[in-house]
């Protein structure tokens, strides 16, 4: 089974409350909080598509889109 390849991080900023749970669980430090207190994918090339951020987000604000 091939590893999934990242297409994009779909972040619905209106739904993000800035709790930082996704940032905490990201094993590759792909996500960070921006100046507005919302999550941003600052290093998408490092993403391993584990989807921990997607599964842990209480607001369903993150979706990992894979090929």
C-alpha atoms as a PDB file:
ATOM      1  CA  UNK A   1       0.000   0.000   0.000  1.00  0.00           C
ATOM      2  CA  UNK A   2       1.458   3.341  -1.070  1.00  0.00           C
ATOM      3  CA  UNK A   3       1.759   6.248   1.305  1.00  0.00           C
ATOM      4  CA  UNK A   4      -0.832   8.954   0.689  1.00  0.00           C
ATOM      5  CA  UNK A   5       0.505  12.058  -1.022  1.00  0.00           C
ATOM      6  CA  UNK A   6      -0.615  15.465   0.198  1.00  0.00           C
ATOM      7  CA  UNK A   7      -2.600  17.636  -2.187  1.00  0.00           C
ATOM      8  CA  UNK A   8      -3.380  20.409   0.290  1.00  0.00           C
ATOM      9  CA  UNK A   9      -4.368  21.382   3.803  1.00  0.00           C
ATOM     10  CA  UNK A  10      -7.937  22.651   3.674  1.00  0.00           C
ATOM     11  CA  UNK A  11      -8.330  24.992   6.641  1.00  0.00           C
ATOM     12  CA  UNK A  12     -11.691  26.660   7.206  1.00  0.00           C
ATOM     13  CA  UNK A  13     -10.478  29.729   9.079  1.00  0.00           C
ATOM     14  CA  UNK A  14     -13.983  30.825  10.081  1.00  0.00           C
ATOM     15  CA  UNK A  15     -14.394  27.599  12.057  1.00  0.00           C
ATOM     16  CA  UNK A  16     -10.967  27.697  13.736  1.00  0.00           C
ATOM     17  CA  UNK A  17     -11.150  29.032  17.280  1.00  0.00           C
ATOM     18  CA  UNK A  18      -7.377  29.003  17.741  1.00  0.00           C
ATOM     19  CA  UNK A  19      -7.201  26.311  20.428  1.00  0.00           C
ATOM     20  CA  UNK A  20      -3.869  24.954  19.116  1.00  0.00           C
ATOM     21  CA  UNK A  21      -4.750  21.270  19.543  1.00  0.00           C
ATOM     22  CA  UNK A  22      -3.799  20.559  15.927  1.00  0.00           C
ATOM     23  CA  UNK A  23      -0.447  22.300  16.377  1.00  0.00           C
ATOM     24  CA  UNK A  24       0.264  20.240  19.490  1.00  0.00           C
ATOM     25  CA  UNK A  25      -0.492  16.895  17.825  1.00  0.00           C
ATOM     26  CA  UNK A  26       1.371  17.506  14.536  1.00  0.00           C
ATOM     27  CA  UNK A  27       4.450  15.217  14.682  1.00  0.00           C
ATOM     28  CA  UNK A  28       6.310  17.140  11.946  1.00  0.00           C
ATOM     29  CA  UNK A  29       5.563  20.703  13.148  1.00  0.00           C
ATOM     30  CA  UNK A  30       3.765  21.547   9.903  1.00  0.00           C
ATOM     31  CA  UNK A  31       1.154  23.713  11.621  1.00  0.00           C
ATOM     32  CA  UNK A  32       1.583  26.963  13.538  1.00  0.00           C
ATOM     33  CA  UNK A  33      -0.692  29.672  14.832  1.00  0.00           C
ATOM     34  CA  UNK A  34      -0.596  32.850  12.733  1.00  0.00           C
ATOM     35  CA  UNK A  35      -0.787  36.478  13.839  1.00  0.00           C
ATOM     36  CA  UNK A  36      -4.607  36.288  13.930  1.00  0.00           C
ATOM     37  CA  UNK A  37      -4.542  33.280  16.263  1.00  0.00           C
ATOM     38  CA  UNK A  38      -5.682  30.857  13.569  1.00  0.00           C
ATOM     39  CA  UNK A  39      -3.920  27.727  12.365  1.00  0.00           C
ATOM     40  CA  UNK A  40      -1.768  27.837   9.228  1.00  0.00           C
ATOM     41  CA  UNK A  41       0.181  25.149   7.379  1.00  0.00           C
ATOM     42  CA  UNK A  42       3.631  26.756   7.333  1.00  0.00           C
ATOM     43  CA  UNK A  43       5.632  23.686   6.251  1.00  0.00           C
ATOM     44  CA  UNK A  44       3.292  21.611   4.045  1.00  0.00           C
ATOM     45  CA  UNK A  45       6.204  19.787   2.364  1.00  0.00           C
ATOM     46  CA  UNK A  46       6.985  18.144   5.725  1.00  0.00           C
ATOM     47  CA  UNK A  47       3.440  16.758   6.128  1.00  0.00           C
ATOM     48  CA  UNK A  48       3.256  12.940   6.371  1.00  0.00           C
ATOM     49  CA  UNK A  49      -0.560  12.872   5.997  1.00  0.00           C
ATOM     50  CA  UNK A  50      -1.111  11.239   9.386  1.00  0.00           C
ATOM     51  CA  UNK A  51      -4.314  13.301   9.741  1.00  0.00           C
ATOM     52  CA  UNK A  52      -3.873  13.721  13.497  1.00  0.00           C
ATOM     53  CA  UNK A  53      -4.736  17.403  13.109  1.00  0.00           C
ATOM     54  CA  UNK A  54      -7.909  16.545  11.204  1.00  0.00           C
ATOM     55  CA  UNK A  55      -8.998  13.891  13.703  1.00  0.00           C
ATOM     56  CA  UNK A  56      -8.232  16.025  16.786  1.00  0.00           C
ATOM     57  CA  UNK A  57      -9.728  19.355  15.658  1.00  0.00           C
ATOM     58  CA  UNK A  58     -12.841  19.900  17.790  1.00  0.00           C
ATOM     59  CA  UNK A  59     -14.230  22.389  15.258  1.00  0.00           C
ATOM     60  CA  UNK A  60     -13.679  20.240  12.123  1.00  0.00           C
ATOM     61  CA  UNK A  61     -11.730  23.164  10.669  1.00  0.00           C
ATOM     62  CA  UNK A  62      -8.950  21.077   9.067  1.00  0.00           C
ATOM     63  CA  UNK A  63      -9.102  18.561   6.265  1.00  0.00           C
ATOM     64  CA  UNK A  64      -6.092  16.820   4.773  1.00  0.00           C
ATOM     65  CA  UNK A  65      -6.711  16.326   1.064  1.00  0.00           C
ATOM     66  CA  UNK A  66      -4.640  13.496  -0.424  1.00  0.00           C
ATOM     67  CA  UNK A  67      -4.168  12.076  -3.913  1.00  0.00           C
END
